[in-house]
PDB file of all heavy atoms in Angstrom:
ATOM      1  N   ARG A   1      -1.608 -41.107 -38.889  1.00  0.00           N
ATOM      2  CA  ARG A   1      -2.397 -40.007 -38.331  1.00  0.00           C
ATOM      3  C   ARG A   1      -3.075 -40.469 -37.050  1.00  0.00           C
ATOM      4  O   ARG A   1      -3.427 -41.644 -36.905  1.00  0.00           O
ATOM      5  CB  ARG A   1      -3.421 -39.503 -39.349  1.00  0.00           C
ATOM      6  CG  ARG A   1      -4.514 -40.497 -39.714  1.00  0.00           C
ATOM      7  CD  ARG A   1      -5.337 -39.989 -40.897  1.00  0.00           C
ATOM      8  NE  ARG A   1      -6.049 -38.761 -40.587  1.00  0.00           N
ATOM      9  CZ  ARG A   1      -6.542 -37.925 -41.514  1.00  0.00           C
ATOM     10  NH1 ARG A   1      -6.386 -38.213 -42.800  1.00  0.00           N
ATOM     11  NH2 ARG A   1      -7.180 -36.832 -41.147  1.00  0.00           N
ATOM     12  N   ASP A   2      -3.256 -39.521 -36.158  1.00  0.00           N
ATOM     13  CA  ASP A   2      -3.986 -39.742 -34.919  1.00  0.00           C
ATOM     14  C   ASP A   2      -5.117 -38.728 -34.913  1.00  0.00           C
ATOM     15  O   ASP A   2      -4.910 -37.559 -34.582  1.00  0.00           O
ATOM     16  CB  ASP A   2      -3.063 -39.569 -33.716  1.00  0.00           C
ATOM     17  CG  ASP A   2      -3.741 -39.919 -32.406  1.00  0.00           C
ATOM     18  OD1 ASP A   2      -4.978 -39.819 -32.319  1.00  0.00           O
ATOM     19  OD2 ASP A   2      -3.029 -40.281 -31.459  1.00  0.00           O
ATOM     20  N   ASN A   3      -6.309 -39.178 -35.284  1.00  0.00           N
ATOM     21  CA  ASN A   3      -7.438 -38.245 -35.383  1.00  0.00           C
ATOM     22  C   ASN A   3      -7.833 -37.688 -34.022  1.00  0.00           C
ATOM     23  O   ASN A   3      -8.381 -36.592 -33.937  1.00  0.00           O
ATOM     24  CB  ASN A   3      -8.622 -38.934 -36.048  1.00  0.00           C
ATOM     25  CG  ASN A   3      -8.384 -39.177 -37.533  1.00  0.00           C
ATOM     26  OD1 ASN A   3      -7.575 -38.510 -38.173  1.00  0.00           O
ATOM     27  ND2 ASN A   3      -9.093 -40.157 -38.084  1.00  0.00           N
ATOM     28  N   GLY A   4      -7.555 -38.426 -32.964  1.00  0.00           N
ATOM     29  CA  GLY A   4      -7.872 -37.936 -31.626  1.00  0.00           C
ATOM     30  C   GLY A   4      -6.974 -36.781 -31.204  1.00  0.00           C
ATOM     31  O   GLY A   4      -7.358 -35.953 -30.382  1.00  0.00           O
ATOM     32  N   LYS A   5      -5.782 -36.727 -31.779  1.00  0.00           N
ATOM     33  CA  LYS A   5      -4.823 -35.668 -31.444  1.00  0.00           C
ATOM     34  C   LYS A   5      -4.683 -34.644 -32.562  1.00  0.00           C
ATOM     35  O   LYS A   5      -3.853 -33.741 -32.469  1.00  0.00           O
ATOM     36  CB  LYS A   5      -3.456 -36.276 -31.142  1.00  0.00           C
ATOM     37  CG  LYS A   5      -3.421 -37.164 -29.909  1.00  0.00           C
ATOM     38  CD  LYS A   5      -2.013 -37.677 -29.642  1.00  0.00           C
ATOM     39  CE  LYS A   5      -1.988 -38.522 -28.377  1.00  0.00           C
ATOM     40  NZ  LYS A   5      -0.625 -39.042 -28.092  1.00  0.00           N
ATOM     41  N   ASN A   6      -5.480 -34.797 -33.617  1.00  0.00           N
ATOM     42  CA  ASN A   6      -5.382 -33.875 -34.770  1.00  0.00           C
ATOM     43  C   ASN A   6      -3.935 -33.754 -35.266  1.00  0.00           C
ATOM     44  O   ASN A   6      -3.444 -32.644 -35.530  1.00  0.00           O
ATOM     45  CB  ASN A   6      -5.908 -32.480 -34.401  1.00  0.00           C
ATOM     46  CG  ASN A   6      -7.419 -32.414 -34.409  1.00  0.00           C
ATOM     47  OD1 ASN A   6      -8.098 -33.448 -34.389  1.00  0.00           O
ATOM     48  ND2 ASN A   6      -7.968 -31.222 -34.423  1.00  0.00           N
ATOM     49  N   THR A   7      -3.265 -34.862 -35.380  1.00  0.00           N
ATOM     50  CA  THR A   7      -1.855 -34.860 -35.731  1.00  0.00           C
ATOM     51  C   THR A   7      -1.562 -35.913 -36.795  1.00  0.00           C
ATOM     52  O   THR A   7      -2.116 -37.022 -36.752  1.00  0.00           O
ATOM     53  CB  THR A   7      -0.981 -35.117 -34.484  1.00  0.00           C
ATOM     54  OG1 THR A   7      -1.255 -34.113 -33.507  1.00  0.00           O
ATOM     55  CG2 THR A   7       0.500 -35.062 -34.839  1.00  0.00           C
ATOM     56  N   VAL A   8      -0.702 -35.547 -37.713  1.00  0.00           N
ATOM     57  CA  VAL A   8      -0.201 -36.484 -38.707  1.00  0.00           C
ATOM     58  C   VAL A   8       1.319 -36.571 -38.546  1.00  0.00           C
ATOM     59  O   VAL A   8       1.964 -35.586 -38.189  1.00  0.00           O
ATOM     60  CB  VAL A   8      -0.606 -36.063 -40.134  1.00  0.00           C
ATOM     61  CG1 VAL A   8      -0.005 -34.729 -40.519  1.00  0.00           C
ATOM     62  CG2 VAL A   8      -0.237 -37.135 -41.150  1.00  0.00           C
ATOM     63  N   TYR A   9       1.852 -37.754 -38.769  1.00  0.00           N
ATOM     64  CA  TYR A   9       3.267 -38.010 -38.559  1.00  0.00           C
ATOM     65  C   TYR A   9       3.919 -38.515 -39.837  1.00  0.00           C
ATOM     66  O   TYR A   9       3.256 -39.106 -40.704  1.00  0.00           O
ATOM     67  CB  TYR A   9       3.460 -39.071 -37.469  1.00  0.00           C
ATOM     68  CG  TYR A   9       2.785 -38.746 -36.162  1.00  0.00           C
ATOM     69  CD1 TYR A   9       1.530 -39.266 -35.854  1.00  0.00           C
ATOM     70  CD2 TYR A   9       3.401 -37.919 -35.222  1.00  0.00           C
ATOM     71  CE1 TYR A   9       0.898 -38.972 -34.655  1.00  0.00           C
ATOM     72  CE2 TYR A   9       2.776 -37.626 -34.021  1.00  0.00           C
ATOM     73  CZ  TYR A   9       1.529 -38.151 -33.750  1.00  0.00           C
ATOM     74  OH  TYR A   9       0.902 -37.849 -32.553  1.00  0.00           O
ATOM     75  N   LEU A  10       5.210 -38.288 -39.918  1.00  0.00           N
ATOM     76  CA  LEU A  10       5.999 -38.884 -40.987  1.00  0.00           C
ATOM     77  C   LEU A  10       7.252 -39.473 -40.347  1.00  0.00           C
ATOM     78  O   LEU A  10       8.140 -38.734 -39.924  1.00  0.00           O
ATOM     79  CB  LEU A  10       6.376 -37.856 -42.052  1.00  0.00           C
ATOM     80  CG  LEU A  10       7.105 -38.432 -43.268  1.00  0.00           C
ATOM     81  CD1 LEU A  10       6.151 -39.326 -44.082  1.00  0.00           C
ATOM     82  CD2 LEU A  10       7.659 -37.326 -44.156  1.00  0.00           C
ATOM     83  N   GLN A  11       7.284 -40.794 -40.251  1.00  0.00           N
ATOM     84  CA  GLN A  11       8.460 -41.486 -39.736  1.00  0.00           C
ATOM     85  C   GLN A  11       9.404 -41.732 -40.891  1.00  0.00           C
ATOM     86  O   GLN A  11       9.028 -42.378 -41.879  1.00  0.00           O
ATOM     87  CB  GLN A  11       8.051 -42.807 -39.093  1.00  0.00           C
ATOM     88  CG  GLN A  11       9.217 -43.632 -38.558  1.00  0.00           C
ATOM     89  CD  GLN A  11       9.920 -42.962 -37.402  1.00  0.00           C
ATOM     90  OE1 GLN A  11       9.296 -42.448 -36.492  1.00  0.00           O
ATOM     91  NE2 GLN A  11      11.258 -42.979 -37.436  1.00  0.00           N
ATOM     92  N   MET A  12      10.616 -41.214 -40.764  1.00  0.00           N
ATOM     93  CA  MET A  12      11.587 -41.314 -41.849  1.00  0.00           C
ATOM     94  C   MET A  12      12.779 -42.133 -41.374  1.00  0.00           C
ATOM     95  O   MET A  12      13.479 -41.726 -40.436  1.00  0.00           O
ATOM     96  CB  MET A  12      12.038 -39.917 -42.283  1.00  0.00           C
ATOM     97  CG  MET A  12      10.885 -39.007 -42.663  1.00  0.00           C
ATOM     98  SD  MET A  12      11.423 -37.418 -43.323  1.00  0.00           S
ATOM     99  CE  MET A  12      12.199 -36.713 -41.882  1.00  0.00           C
ATOM    100  N   ASN A  13      12.978 -43.275 -41.988  1.00  0.00           N
ATOM    101  CA  ASN A  13      14.082 -44.159 -41.654  1.00  0.00           C
ATOM    102  C   ASN A  13      15.049 -44.268 -42.830  1.00  0.00           C
ATOM    103  O   ASN A  13      14.703 -43.919 -43.964  1.00  0.00           O
ATOM    104  CB  ASN A  13      13.560 -45.545 -41.289  1.00  0.00           C
ATOM    105  CG  ASN A  13      12.646 -45.539 -40.080  1.00  0.00           C
ATOM    106  OD1 ASN A  13      12.806 -44.721 -39.168  1.00  0.00           O
ATOM    107  ND2 ASN A  13      11.688 -46.451 -40.053  1.00  0.00           N
ATOM    108  N   SER A  14      16.232 -44.757 -42.551  1.00  0.00           N
ATOM    109  CA  SER A  14      17.252 -44.955 -43.594  1.00  0.00           C
ATOM    110  C   SER A  14      17.409 -43.699 -44.444  1.00  0.00           C
ATOM    111  O   SER A  14      17.408 -43.760 -45.680  1.00  0.00           O
ATOM    112  CB  SER A  14      16.878 -46.160 -44.475  1.00  0.00           C
ATOM    113  OG  SER A  14      16.743 -47.327 -43.708  1.00  0.00           O
ATOM    114  N   LEU A  15      17.542 -42.591 -43.786  1.00  0.00           N
ATOM    115  CA  LEU A  15      17.611 -41.314 -44.500  1.00  0.00           C
ATOM    116  C   LEU A  15      18.859 -41.218 -45.355  1.00  0.00           C
ATOM    117  O   LEU A  15      19.931 -41.749 -45.017  1.00  0.00           O
ATOM    118  CB  LEU A  15      17.562 -40.161 -43.502  1.00  0.00           C
ATOM    119  CG  LEU A  15      16.157 -39.866 -42.964  1.00  0.00           C
ATOM    120  CD1 LEU A  15      16.224 -39.069 -41.672  1.00  0.00           C
ATOM    121  CD2 LEU A  15      15.333 -39.125 -44.011  1.00  0.00           C
ATOM    122  N   LYS A  16      18.687 -40.539 -46.472  1.00  0.00           N
ATOM    123  CA  LYS A  16      19.760 -40.362 -47.442  1.00  0.00           C
ATOM    124  C   LYS A  16      20.015 -38.866 -47.630  1.00  0.00           C
ATOM    125  O   LYS A  16      19.116 -38.041 -47.412  1.00  0.00           O
ATOM    126  CB  LYS A  16      19.361 -40.965 -48.789  1.00  0.00           C
ATOM    127  CG  LYS A  16      18.978 -42.433 -48.736  1.00  0.00           C
ATOM    128  CD  LYS A  16      18.474 -42.902 -50.090  1.00  0.00           C
ATOM    129  CE  LYS A  16      18.060 -44.368 -50.059  1.00  0.00           C
ATOM    130  NZ  LYS A  16      17.558 -44.832 -51.389  1.00  0.00           N
ATOM    131  N   PRO A  17      21.210 -38.493 -48.062  1.00  0.00           N
ATOM    132  CA  PRO A  17      21.476 -37.059 -48.301  1.00  0.00           C
ATOM    133  C   PRO A  17      20.471 -36.436 -49.276  1.00  0.00           C
ATOM    134  O   PRO A  17      20.124 -35.261 -49.118  1.00  0.00           O
ATOM    135  CB  PRO A  17      22.889 -37.072 -48.881  1.00  0.00           C
ATOM    136  CG  PRO A  17      23.525 -38.262 -48.264  1.00  0.00           C
ATOM    137  CD  PRO A  17      22.441 -39.293 -48.189  1.00  0.00           C
ATOM    138  N   GLU A  18      19.981 -37.201 -50.216  1.00  0.00           N
ATOM    139  CA  GLU A  18      19.005 -36.669 -51.172  1.00  0.00           C
ATOM    140  C   GLU A  18      17.636 -36.424 -50.556  1.00  0.00           C
ATOM    141  O   GLU A  18      16.753 -35.868 -51.216  1.00  0.00           O
ATOM    142  CB  GLU A  18      18.883 -37.581 -52.395  1.00  0.00           C
ATOM    143  CG  GLU A  18      18.646 -39.032 -52.072  1.00  0.00           C
ATOM    144  CD  GLU A  18      19.922 -39.854 -52.094  1.00  0.00           C
ATOM    145  OE1 GLU A  18      20.940 -39.389 -51.536  1.00  0.00           O
ATOM    146  OE2 GLU A  18      19.892 -40.980 -52.641  1.00  0.00           O
ATOM    147  N   ASP A  19      17.443 -36.819 -49.311  1.00  0.00           N
ATOM    148  CA  ASP A  19      16.197 -36.491 -48.606  1.00  0.00           C
ATOM    149  C   ASP A  19      16.244 -35.088 -47.999  1.00  0.00           C
ATOM    150  O   ASP A  19      15.240 -34.609 -47.468  1.00  0.00           O
ATOM    151  CB  ASP A  19      15.936 -37.501 -47.487  1.00  0.00           C
ATOM    152  CG  ASP A  19      15.651 -38.896 -48.009  1.00  0.00           C
ATOM    153  OD1 ASP A  19      14.915 -39.022 -49.006  1.00  0.00           O
ATOM    154  OD2 ASP A  19      16.165 -39.866 -47.404  1.00  0.00           O
ATOM    155  N   THR A  20      17.395 -34.444 -48.071  1.00  0.00           N
ATOM    156  CA  THR A  20      17.539 -33.098 -47.526  1.00  0.00           C
ATOM    157  C   THR A  20      16.595 -32.137 -48.242  1.00  0.00           C
ATOM    158  O   THR A  20      16.605 -32.036 -49.468  1.00  0.00           O
ATOM    159  CB  THR A  20      18.989 -32.618 -47.673  1.00  0.00           C
ATOM    160  OG1 THR A  20      19.834 -33.443 -46.871  1.00  0.00           O
ATOM    161  CG2 THR A  20      19.126 -31.166 -47.237  1.00  0.00           C
ATOM    162  N   ALA A  21      15.763 -31.448 -47.462  1.00  0.00           N
ATOM    163  CA  ALA A  21      14.766 -30.539 -48.018  1.00  0.00           C
ATOM    164  C   ALA A  21      13.999 -29.890 -46.874  1.00  0.00           C
ATOM    165  O   ALA A  21      14.135 -30.297 -45.712  1.00  0.00           O
ATOM    166  CB  ALA A  21      13.788 -31.290 -48.929  1.00  0.00           C
ATOM    167  N   THR A  22      13.190 -28.911 -47.231  1.00  0.00           N
ATOM    168  CA  THR A  22      12.185 -28.412 -46.303  1.00  0.00           C
ATOM    169  C   THR A  22      10.935 -29.254 -46.501  1.00  0.00           C
ATOM    170  O   THR A  22      10.462 -29.404 -47.631  1.00  0.00           O
ATOM    171  CB  THR A  22      11.882 -26.936 -46.556  1.00  0.00           C
ATOM    172  OG1 THR A  22      13.078 -26.185 -46.392  1.00  0.00           O
ATOM    173  CG2 THR A  22      10.831 -26.431 -45.587  1.00  0.00           C
ATOM    174  N   TYR A  23      10.430 -29.789 -45.415  1.00  0.00           N
ATOM    175  CA  TYR A  23       9.254 -30.660 -45.475  1.00  0.00           C
ATOM    176  C   TYR A  23       8.020 -29.890 -45.026  1.00  0.00           C
ATOM    177  O   TYR A  23       8.030 -29.229 -43.974  1.00  0.00           O
ATOM    178  CB  TYR A  23       9.461 -31.882 -44.592  1.00  0.00           C
ATOM    179  CG  TYR A  23      10.383 -32.905 -45.227  1.00  0.00           C
ATOM    180  CD1 TYR A  23      11.734 -32.650 -45.392  1.00  0.00           C
ATOM    181  CD2 TYR A  23       9.886 -34.114 -45.705  1.00  0.00           C
ATOM    182  CE1 TYR A  23      12.575 -33.579 -45.994  1.00  0.00           C
ATOM    183  CE2 TYR A  23      10.715 -35.051 -46.308  1.00  0.00           C
ATOM    184  CZ  TYR A  23      12.058 -34.772 -46.451  1.00  0.00           C
ATOM    185  OH  TYR A  23      12.882 -35.703 -47.061  1.00  0.00           O
ATOM    186  N   TYR A  24       6.974 -30.003 -45.823  1.00  0.00           N
ATOM    187  CA  TYR A  24       5.735 -29.287 -45.561  1.00  0.00           C
ATOM    188  C   TYR A  24       4.586 -30.269 -45.334  1.00  0.00           C
ATOM    189  O   TYR A  24       4.436 -31.250 -46.080  1.00  0.00           O
ATOM    190  CB  TYR A  24       5.370 -28.394 -46.752  1.00  0.00           C
ATOM    191  CG  TYR A  24       6.359 -27.302 -47.031  1.00  0.00           C
ATOM    192  CD1 TYR A  24       7.408 -27.498 -47.920  1.00  0.00           C
ATOM    193  CD2 TYR A  24       6.242 -26.056 -46.406  1.00  0.00           C
ATOM    194  CE1 TYR A  24       8.328 -26.499 -48.186  1.00  0.00           C
ATOM    195  CE2 TYR A  24       7.147 -25.042 -46.671  1.00  0.00           C
ATOM    196  CZ  TYR A  24       8.191 -25.269 -47.556  1.00  0.00           C
ATOM    197  OH  TYR A  24       9.091 -24.275 -47.815  1.00  0.00           O
ATOM    198  N   CYS A  25       3.795 -29.945 -44.347  1.00  0.00           N
ATOM    199  CA  CYS A  25       2.543 -30.650 -44.107  1.00  0.00           C
ATOM    200  C   CYS A  25       1.440 -29.913 -44.859  1.00  0.00           C
ATOM    201  O   CYS A  25       1.444 -28.673 -44.922  1.00  0.00           O
ATOM    202  CB  CYS A  25       2.266 -30.660 -42.612  1.00  0.00           C
ATOM    203  SG  CYS A  25       0.702 -31.392 -42.115  1.00  0.00           S
ATOM    204  N   ALA A  26       0.498 -30.649 -45.407  1.00  0.00           N
ATOM    205  CA  ALA A  26      -0.586 -30.032 -46.172  1.00  0.00           C
ATOM    206  C   ALA A  26      -1.883 -30.787 -45.936  1.00  0.00           C
ATOM    207  O   ALA A  26      -1.871 -31.975 -45.580  1.00  0.00           O
ATOM    208  CB  ALA A  26      -0.243 -30.025 -47.661  1.00  0.00           C
ATOM    209  N   ALA A  27      -2.986 -30.088 -46.156  1.00  0.00           N
ATOM    210  CA  ALA A  27      -4.298 -30.685 -45.928  1.00  0.00           C
ATOM    211  C   ALA A  27      -5.276 -30.273 -47.019  1.00  0.00           C
ATOM    212  O   ALA A  27      -5.216 -29.161 -47.543  1.00  0.00           O
ATOM    213  CB  ALA A  27      -4.847 -30.242 -44.564  1.00  0.00           C
ATOM    214  N   VAL A  28      -6.156 -31.191 -47.336  1.00  0.00           N
ATOM    215  CA  VAL A  28      -7.258 -30.902 -48.264  1.00  0.00           C
ATOM    216  C   VAL A  28      -8.524 -31.466 -47.633  1.00  0.00           C
ATOM    217  O   VAL A  28      -8.525 -32.572 -47.099  1.00  0.00           O
ATOM    218  CB  VAL A  28      -6.995 -31.478 -49.672  1.00  0.00           C
ATOM    219  CG1 VAL A  28      -6.707 -32.965 -49.631  1.00  0.00           C
ATOM    220  CG2 VAL A  28      -8.167 -31.193 -50.592  1.00  0.00           C
ATOM    221  N   ASP A  29      -9.610 -30.673 -47.697  1.00  0.00           N
ATOM    222  CA  ASP A  29     -10.813 -30.988 -46.932  1.00  0.00           C
ATOM    223  C   ASP A  29     -11.754 -31.935 -47.662  1.00  0.00           C
ATOM    224  O   ASP A  29     -12.944 -31.664 -47.803  1.00  0.00           O
ATOM    225  CB  ASP A  29     -11.545 -29.702 -46.524  1.00  0.00           C
ATOM    226  CG  ASP A  29     -11.956 -28.863 -47.729  1.00  0.00           C
ATOM    227  OD1 ASP A  29     -11.522 -29.182 -48.855  1.00  0.00           O
ATOM    228  OD2 ASP A  29     -12.734 -27.905 -47.537  1.00  0.00           O
ATOM    229  N   ARG A  30     -11.201 -33.045 -48.119  1.00  0.00           N
ATOM    230  CA  ARG A  30     -12.013 -34.085 -48.755  1.00  0.00           C
ATOM    231  C   ARG A  30     -11.155 -35.328 -48.903  1.00  0.00           C
ATOM    232  O   ARG A  30      -9.950 -35.274 -48.676  1.00  0.00           O
ATOM    233  CB  ARG A  30     -12.506 -33.622 -50.135  1.00  0.00           C
ATOM    234  CG  ARG A  30     -11.398 -33.238 -51.097  1.00  0.00           C
ATOM    235  CD  ARG A  30     -11.951 -32.697 -52.399  1.00  0.00           C
ATOM    236  NE  ARG A  30     -10.918 -32.129 -53.252  1.00  0.00           N
ATOM    237  CZ  ARG A  30     -10.238 -32.817 -54.134  1.00  0.00           C
ATOM    238  NH1 ARG A  30     -10.471 -34.106 -54.278  1.00  0.00           N
ATOM    239  NH2 ARG A  30      -9.320 -32.232 -54.895  1.00  0.00           N
ATOM    240  N   ALA A  31     -11.788 -36.401 -49.270  1.00  0.00           N
ATOM    241  CA  ALA A  31     -11.034 -37.616 -49.564  1.00  0.00           C
ATOM    242  C   ALA A  31     -10.314 -37.410 -50.889  1.00  0.00           C
ATOM    243  O   ALA A  31     -10.944 -37.135 -51.911  1.00  0.00           O
ATOM    244  CB  ALA A  31     -11.957 -38.810 -49.634  1.00  0.00           C
ATOM    245  N   TYR A  32      -9.002 -37.514 -50.853  1.00  0.00           N
ATOM    246  CA  TYR A  32      -8.185 -37.254 -52.040  1.00  0.00           C
ATOM    247  C   TYR A  32      -7.156 -38.358 -52.151  1.00  0.00           C
ATOM    248  O   TYR A  32      -6.515 -38.732 -51.161  1.00  0.00           O
ATOM    249  CB  TYR A  32      -7.511 -35.891 -51.922  1.00  0.00           C
ATOM    250  CG  TYR A  32      -6.576 -35.552 -53.067  1.00  0.00           C
ATOM    251  CD1 TYR A  32      -7.072 -35.322 -54.340  1.00  0.00           C
ATOM    252  CD2 TYR A  32      -5.212 -35.467 -52.859  1.00  0.00           C
ATOM    253  CE1 TYR A  32      -6.212 -35.018 -55.388  1.00  0.00           C
ATOM    254  CE2 TYR A  32      -4.340 -35.167 -53.892  1.00  0.00           C
ATOM    255  CZ  TYR A  32      -4.852 -34.941 -55.160  1.00  0.00           C
ATOM    256  OH  TYR A  32      -4.000 -34.646 -56.195  1.00  0.00           O
ATOM    257  N   TYR A  33      -6.996 -38.875 -53.344  1.00  0.00           N
ATOM    258  CA  TYR A  33      -6.111 -40.018 -53.543  1.00  0.00           C
ATOM    259  C   TYR A  33      -5.003 -39.722 -54.554  1.00  0.00           C
ATOM    260  O   TYR A  33      -4.395 -40.639 -55.092  1.00  0.00           O
ATOM    261  CB  TYR A  33      -6.929 -41.235 -53.982  1.00  0.00           C
ATOM    262  CG  TYR A  33      -7.922 -41.668 -52.934  1.00  0.00           C
ATOM    263  CD1 TYR A  33      -9.239 -41.225 -52.964  1.00  0.00           C
ATOM    264  CD2 TYR A  33      -7.539 -42.504 -51.888  1.00  0.00           C
ATOM    265  CE1 TYR A  33     -10.145 -41.604 -51.995  1.00  0.00           C
ATOM    266  CE2 TYR A  33      -8.439 -42.889 -50.912  1.00  0.00           C
ATOM    267  CZ  TYR A  33      -9.742 -42.432 -50.970  1.00  0.00           C
ATOM    268  OH  TYR A  33     -10.636 -42.805 -50.005  1.00  0.00           O
ATOM    269  N   GLY A  34      -4.747 -38.436 -54.790  1.00  0.00           N
ATOM    270  CA  GLY A  34      -3.719 -38.067 -55.731  1.00  0.00           C
ATOM    271  C   GLY A  34      -2.462 -37.561 -55.057  1.00  0.00           C
ATOM    272  O   GLY A  34      -2.294 -37.667 -53.838  1.00  0.00           O
ATOM    273  N   SER A  35      -1.568 -36.959 -55.851  1.00  0.00           N
ATOM    274  CA  SER A  35      -0.287 -36.485 -55.338  1.00  0.00           C
ATOM    275  C   SER A  35       0.050 -35.072 -55.791  1.00  0.00           C
ATOM    276  O   SER A  35       1.202 -34.649 -55.690  1.00  0.00           O
ATOM    277  CB  SER A  35       0.826 -37.448 -55.773  1.00  0.00           C
ATOM    278  OG  SER A  35       0.880 -37.526 -57.187  1.00  0.00           O
ATOM    279  N   SER A  36      -0.929 -34.338 -56.264  1.00  0.00           N
ATOM    280  CA  SER A  36      -0.686 -32.991 -56.765  1.00  0.00           C
ATOM    281  C   SER A  36      -0.734 -31.981 -55.636  1.00  0.00           C
ATOM    282  O   SER A  36      -1.751 -31.870 -54.940  1.00  0.00           O
ATOM    283  CB  SER A  36      -1.731 -32.635 -57.815  1.00  0.00           C
ATOM    284  OG  SER A  36      -1.627 -31.267 -58.172  1.00  0.00           O
ATOM    285  N   TRP A  37       0.336 -31.210 -55.470  1.00  0.00           N
ATOM    286  CA  TRP A  37       0.350 -30.250 -54.365  1.00  0.00           C
ATOM    287  C   TRP A  37      -0.693 -29.146 -54.582  1.00  0.00           C
ATOM    288  O   TRP A  37      -1.177 -28.549 -53.622  1.00  0.00           O
ATOM    289  CB  TRP A  37       1.733 -29.658 -54.172  1.00  0.00           C
ATOM    290  CG  TRP A  37       2.244 -28.783 -55.283  1.00  0.00           C
ATOM    291  CD1 TRP A  37       3.033 -29.144 -56.329  1.00  0.00           C
ATOM    292  CD2 TRP A  37       2.009 -27.377 -55.429  1.00  0.00           C
ATOM    293  NE1 TRP A  37       3.298 -28.073 -57.123  1.00  0.00           N
ATOM    294  CE2 TRP A  37       2.685 -26.959 -56.603  1.00  0.00           C
ATOM    295  CE3 TRP A  37       1.283 -26.428 -54.692  1.00  0.00           C
ATOM    296  CZ2 TRP A  37       2.668 -25.647 -57.039  1.00  0.00           C
ATOM    297  CZ3 TRP A  37       1.267 -25.116 -55.130  1.00  0.00           C
ATOM    298  CH2 TRP A  37       1.951 -24.736 -56.296  1.00  0.00           C
ATOM    299  N   GLN A  38      -1.043 -28.910 -55.828  1.00  0.00           N
ATOM    300  CA  GLN A  38      -2.037 -27.864 -56.106  1.00  0.00           C
ATOM    301  C   GLN A  38      -3.416 -28.196 -55.530  1.00  0.00           C
ATOM    302  O   GLN A  38      -4.253 -27.314 -55.369  1.00  0.00           O
ATOM    303  CB  GLN A  38      -2.171 -27.623 -57.616  1.00  0.00           C
ATOM    304  CG  GLN A  38      -0.955 -26.984 -58.260  1.00  0.00           C
ATOM    305  CD  GLN A  38      -0.017 -27.990 -58.871  1.00  0.00           C
ATOM    306  OE1 GLN A  38       0.033 -29.146 -58.447  1.00  0.00           O
ATOM    307  NE2 GLN A  38       0.722 -27.572 -59.866  1.00  0.00           N
TER     308      GLN A  38
END
């Protein structure tokens, strides 16, 4: 993330066919350390 640019990045290397999907960016307005999309 670049807080100065309000941007988050995902660098994806060694991509596999099983990585095929629609990728979504998401935000939660607190410190969160889990993995639940809800």
